[in-house]
N, C-alpha and C. Protein backbone atom coordinates (compact mmCIF):
# COMPACT_ATOMS: atom_id res chain seq x y z
N MET A 1 114.26 107.58 96.03
CA MET A 1 113.03 107.57 96.57
C MET A 1 112.71 107.91 97.61
N ALA A 2 113.52 107.27 98.98
CA ALA A 2 113.70 107.85 100.09
C ALA A 2 114.52 109.44 100.20
N GLN A 3 115.63 109.32 98.91
CA GLN A 3 115.90 111.13 99.23
C GLN A 3 115.19 112.24 98.62
N ILE A 4 114.63 111.71 97.37
CA ILE A 4 113.43 112.51 97.35
C ILE A 4 112.58 113.55 98.05
N ALA A 5 112.17 112.15 98.89
CA ALA A 5 111.05 112.32 100.43
C ALA A 5 111.69 113.43 100.97
N ILE A 6 113.17 113.08 101.71
CA ILE A 6 113.99 113.90 102.79
C ILE A 6 114.15 115.21 101.86
N TYR A 7 114.63 115.09 101.04
CA TYR A 7 114.64 116.70 100.06
C TYR A 7 113.34 117.37 100.21
N ILE A 8 111.92 116.62 100.00
CA ILE A 8 110.73 117.82 99.78
C ILE A 8 110.34 117.95 101.71
N VAL A 9 110.88 116.98 102.65
CA VAL A 9 110.40 117.52 103.82
C VAL A 9 111.67 118.39 104.26
N PHE A 10 112.71 118.79 103.62
CA PHE A 10 113.29 119.89 103.98
C PHE A 10 112.93 121.29 103.43
N ALA A 11 112.44 121.16 102.18
CA ALA A 11 111.81 122.56 101.49
C ALA A 11 110.90 122.52 102.33
N LEU A 12 109.74 121.88 102.63
CA LEU A 12 108.52 122.20 103.50
C LEU A 12 108.75 122.77 104.91
N LEU A 13 109.75 121.99 105.70
CA LEU A 13 110.31 122.84 106.39
C LEU A 13 110.76 124.41 106.53
N GLY A 14 111.28 124.26 105.17
CA GLY A 14 112.16 125.81 105.02
C GLY A 14 111.00 126.52 104.98
N LEU A 15 110.14 126.21 103.99
CA LEU A 15 109.21 126.83 103.60
C LEU A 15 108.45 127.54 104.66
N GLY A 16 107.90 126.31 105.83
CA GLY A 16 107.15 126.57 107.19
C GLY A 16 108.03 127.99 108.21
N LEU A 17 109.25 127.65 108.14
CA LEU A 17 110.27 128.74 109.03
C LEU A 17 109.95 129.84 108.05
N LEU A 18 110.34 130.21 106.90
CA LEU A 18 109.95 131.31 106.17
C LEU A 18 108.93 131.71 106.76
N ALA A 19 108.23 131.57 106.47
CA ALA A 19 106.67 131.93 106.70
C ALA A 19 106.19 132.30 107.75
N MET A 20 106.77 131.88 109.24
CA MET A 20 106.25 131.91 110.37
C MET A 20 107.51 133.22 110.52
N VAL A 21 108.79 133.35 110.13
CA VAL A 21 109.35 134.93 110.32
C VAL A 21 108.67 136.05 109.57
N VAL A 22 108.49 135.58 108.37
CA VAL A 22 107.72 137.00 107.63
C VAL A 22 106.54 137.34 108.23
N PHE A 23 105.80 136.36 109.06
CA PHE A 23 104.18 136.86 109.32
C PHE A 23 104.85 137.27 111.07
N GLY A 24 105.41 136.69 111.15
CA GLY A 24 105.69 137.65 112.79
C GLY A 24 106.44 138.63 112.60
N ILE A 25 107.49 139.12 111.27
CA ILE A 25 107.58 140.25 111.12
C ILE A 25 106.64 141.34 110.68
N ARG A 26 105.34 141.01 110.10
CA ARG A 26 104.54 141.67 109.56
C ARG A 26 103.58 141.57 111.33
N SER A 27 103.60 140.60 111.47
CA SER A 27 102.61 140.92 112.92
C SER A 27 103.10 141.93 114.08
N LEU A 28 104.70 141.96 113.99
CA LEU A 28 105.20 143.25 115.07
C LEU A 28 105.29 144.63 114.28
N THR A 29 105.34 144.91 112.98
CA THR A 29 105.17 146.06 112.74
C THR A 29 103.84 146.42 112.53
N HIS A 30 102.72 145.62 112.52
CA HIS A 30 101.26 146.04 112.42
C HIS A 30 100.94 146.40 113.79
N GLY A 31 102.18 146.16 115.16
CA GLY A 31 101.58 146.22 116.61
C GLY A 31 100.63 145.11 117.43
N LYS A 32 100.47 143.90 116.21
CA LYS A 32 99.73 142.96 116.73
C LYS A 32 100.47 141.83 118.04
N VAL A 33 102.01 142.22 118.13
CA VAL A 33 102.82 141.31 118.94
C VAL A 33 103.72 142.20 119.32
N ASP A 34 103.87 141.94 121.12
CA ASP A 34 104.32 142.82 121.71
C ASP A 34 106.26 141.96 121.60
N PRO A 35 106.87 143.39 121.14
CA PRO A 35 108.28 142.90 120.79
C PRO A 35 109.31 142.07 121.81
N MET A 36 108.50 142.33 123.60
CA MET A 36 108.99 141.27 124.37
C MET A 36 108.80 139.81 123.98
N THR A 37 107.58 139.38 123.79
CA THR A 37 107.21 138.04 123.40
C THR A 37 108.39 137.62 122.17
N ILE A 38 108.34 138.36 121.36
CA ILE A 38 109.47 137.97 120.08
C ILE A 38 110.61 137.47 120.25
N SER A 39 111.12 138.81 121.44
CA SER A 39 112.70 138.61 121.69
C SER A 39 112.84 137.57 122.71
N ILE A 40 111.95 136.70 123.61
CA ILE A 40 111.78 135.59 124.32
C ILE A 40 111.59 134.49 123.07
N MET A 41 111.37 134.11 122.12
CA MET A 41 111.56 133.52 121.08
C MET A 41 112.85 133.23 120.40
N ALA A 42 113.13 134.20 120.96
CA ALA A 42 114.52 134.35 120.07
C ALA A 42 115.71 133.69 120.56
N VAL A 43 115.77 133.78 122.44
CA VAL A 43 116.56 133.18 123.48
C VAL A 43 116.90 132.09 122.72
N PRO A 44 116.32 130.96 122.72
CA PRO A 44 116.99 129.89 122.16
C PRO A 44 117.89 130.01 120.60
N VAL A 45 117.34 130.45 120.14
CA VAL A 45 118.20 130.43 118.73
C VAL A 45 119.56 131.52 119.37
N VAL A 46 119.61 132.24 119.71
CA VAL A 46 120.91 133.30 120.35
C VAL A 46 121.46 132.37 120.92
N ILE A 47 121.65 131.36 121.94
CA ILE A 47 121.87 130.45 122.36
C ILE A 47 122.47 129.07 121.84
N LEU A 48 122.07 128.73 120.93
CA LEU A 48 121.93 128.26 119.84
C LEU A 48 123.36 128.19 118.85
N VAL A 49 123.43 129.73 118.74
CA VAL A 49 124.26 130.29 117.90
C VAL A 49 125.97 130.18 119.02
N ILE A 50 125.68 130.82 119.69
CA ILE A 50 126.85 130.89 121.12
C ILE A 50 127.21 129.68 121.04
N LEU A 51 126.43 128.29 121.17
CA LEU A 51 127.48 127.31 122.01
C LEU A 51 127.73 126.65 120.35
N GLY A 52 127.45 127.21 119.16
CA GLY A 52 127.83 126.43 118.10
C GLY A 52 128.94 127.13 117.74
N LEU A 53 129.09 128.32 118.35
CA LEU A 53 130.68 128.40 117.54
C LEU A 53 131.83 128.59 118.81
N VAL A 54 131.65 128.09 120.17
CA VAL A 54 132.01 127.63 120.64
C VAL A 54 132.35 126.21 121.21
N MET A 55 131.39 125.56 120.96
CA MET A 55 131.55 124.28 121.24
C MET A 55 132.01 123.51 119.94
N PRO A 56 132.99 121.93 120.17
CA PRO A 56 133.33 121.61 118.72
C PRO A 56 132.49 120.96 117.80
N SER A 57 131.37 120.92 118.27
CA SER A 57 130.41 120.27 116.73
C SER A 57 128.65 120.58 117.31
N TRP A 58 128.38 121.27 116.24
CA TRP A 58 126.79 121.66 116.33
C TRP A 58 125.86 120.66 116.72
N ALA A 59 126.22 119.56 116.57
CA ALA A 59 125.28 118.70 117.46
C ALA A 59 125.15 118.63 119.10
N GLU A 60 126.43 118.82 119.51
CA GLU A 60 126.53 118.96 121.18
C GLU A 60 125.81 120.67 121.12
N ALA A 61 125.98 120.98 120.09
CA ALA A 61 125.56 122.80 120.70
C ALA A 61 123.76 122.62 121.15
N GLY A 62 123.57 121.84 119.95
CA GLY A 62 122.00 121.66 119.60
C GLY A 62 121.17 120.88 121.27
N ILE A 63 122.14 120.01 121.52
CA ILE A 63 121.75 119.20 122.93
C ILE A 63 121.64 120.19 124.02
N THR A 64 122.88 120.65 124.20
CA THR A 64 122.81 121.90 124.68
C THR A 64 122.15 122.71 125.12
N THR A 65 121.96 123.06 124.26
CA THR A 65 120.79 124.18 123.93
C THR A 65 119.16 123.53 124.57
N ILE A 66 118.87 122.58 123.98
CA ILE A 66 118.04 121.92 124.84
C ILE A 66 117.71 121.68 126.29
N LEU A 67 118.63 121.44 126.47
CA LEU A 67 118.82 121.30 127.99
C LEU A 67 118.92 122.70 128.57
N VAL A 68 119.77 124.22 127.96
CA VAL A 68 119.54 125.36 128.62
C VAL A 68 118.13 125.69 128.83
N THR A 69 117.59 125.84 127.50
CA THR A 69 116.38 125.92 127.16
C THR A 69 115.30 125.26 128.47
N MET A 70 115.38 124.08 128.47
CA MET A 70 114.73 123.27 129.46
C MET A 70 114.51 123.98 130.90
N CYS A 71 115.55 124.23 131.22
CA CYS A 71 116.43 124.37 133.03
C CYS A 71 115.48 126.27 132.50
N LEU A 72 115.65 127.04 131.60
CA LEU A 72 115.25 128.10 131.91
C LEU A 72 113.89 128.11 132.02
N ALA A 73 113.08 127.23 131.32
CA ALA A 73 111.54 127.46 131.28
C ALA A 73 111.75 127.00 132.84
N LEU A 74 112.05 125.95 133.34
CA LEU A 74 111.62 125.36 134.60
C LEU A 74 111.75 126.32 135.71
N LEU A 75 113.19 127.13 135.24
CA LEU A 75 113.37 128.32 136.23
C LEU A 75 112.21 129.51 136.12
N ALA A 76 112.04 129.83 135.07
CA ALA A 76 110.65 130.55 134.74
C ALA A 76 109.42 130.05 135.41
N LEU A 77 109.44 128.85 135.35
CA LEU A 77 107.81 128.49 136.11
C LEU A 77 108.07 128.27 137.87
N LEU A 78 109.45 128.40 138.09
CA LEU A 78 109.39 128.14 139.41
C LEU A 78 109.32 129.46 139.98
N TYR A 79 109.48 130.76 138.94
CA TYR A 79 109.60 132.49 139.39
C TYR A 79 107.79 132.76 139.92
N THR A 80 107.44 131.97 138.68
CA THR A 80 106.00 132.81 139.07
C THR A 80 105.25 131.91 139.42
N GLY A 81 105.48 130.97 139.77
CA GLY A 81 104.47 129.91 140.92
C GLY A 81 105.03 130.86 142.16
N ALA A 82 106.15 130.81 142.80
CA ALA A 82 106.63 131.51 143.63
C ALA A 82 106.13 133.21 143.57
N LYS A 83 106.46 133.74 142.56
CA LYS A 83 105.54 134.76 142.69
C LYS A 83 104.16 134.93 143.33
N GLY A 84 103.53 134.16 142.17
CA GLY A 84 102.24 134.53 142.46
C GLY A 84 101.77 133.86 144.30
N LEU A 85 102.57 132.78 144.78
CA LEU A 85 102.24 132.35 145.96
C LEU A 85 102.35 133.69 147.12
N PHE A 86 103.55 134.09 146.86
CA PHE A 86 104.18 134.98 147.96
C PHE A 86 103.68 136.58 147.68
N PHE A 87 103.27 137.40 146.46
CA PHE A 87 102.97 138.11 146.10
C PHE A 87 101.92 138.66 145.66
């Protein structure tokens, strides 16, 4: 029973991701979304693929991707805060 539930969860996750990609492309083609927003959302995926190909396991690449993405987000927050404070 638990195996069936796991397969159902993976299927729902896959359908959800597919729907997000399809509607993201649709919004991009209709001009509702700035292309810069889409490219920023793709940064973690690109980092994961690069690290996945370089590192010995994809699990390590996933954890490193999370850490790198969190550091980039922290740097972006510090930059925007300093930019608003000084300029």
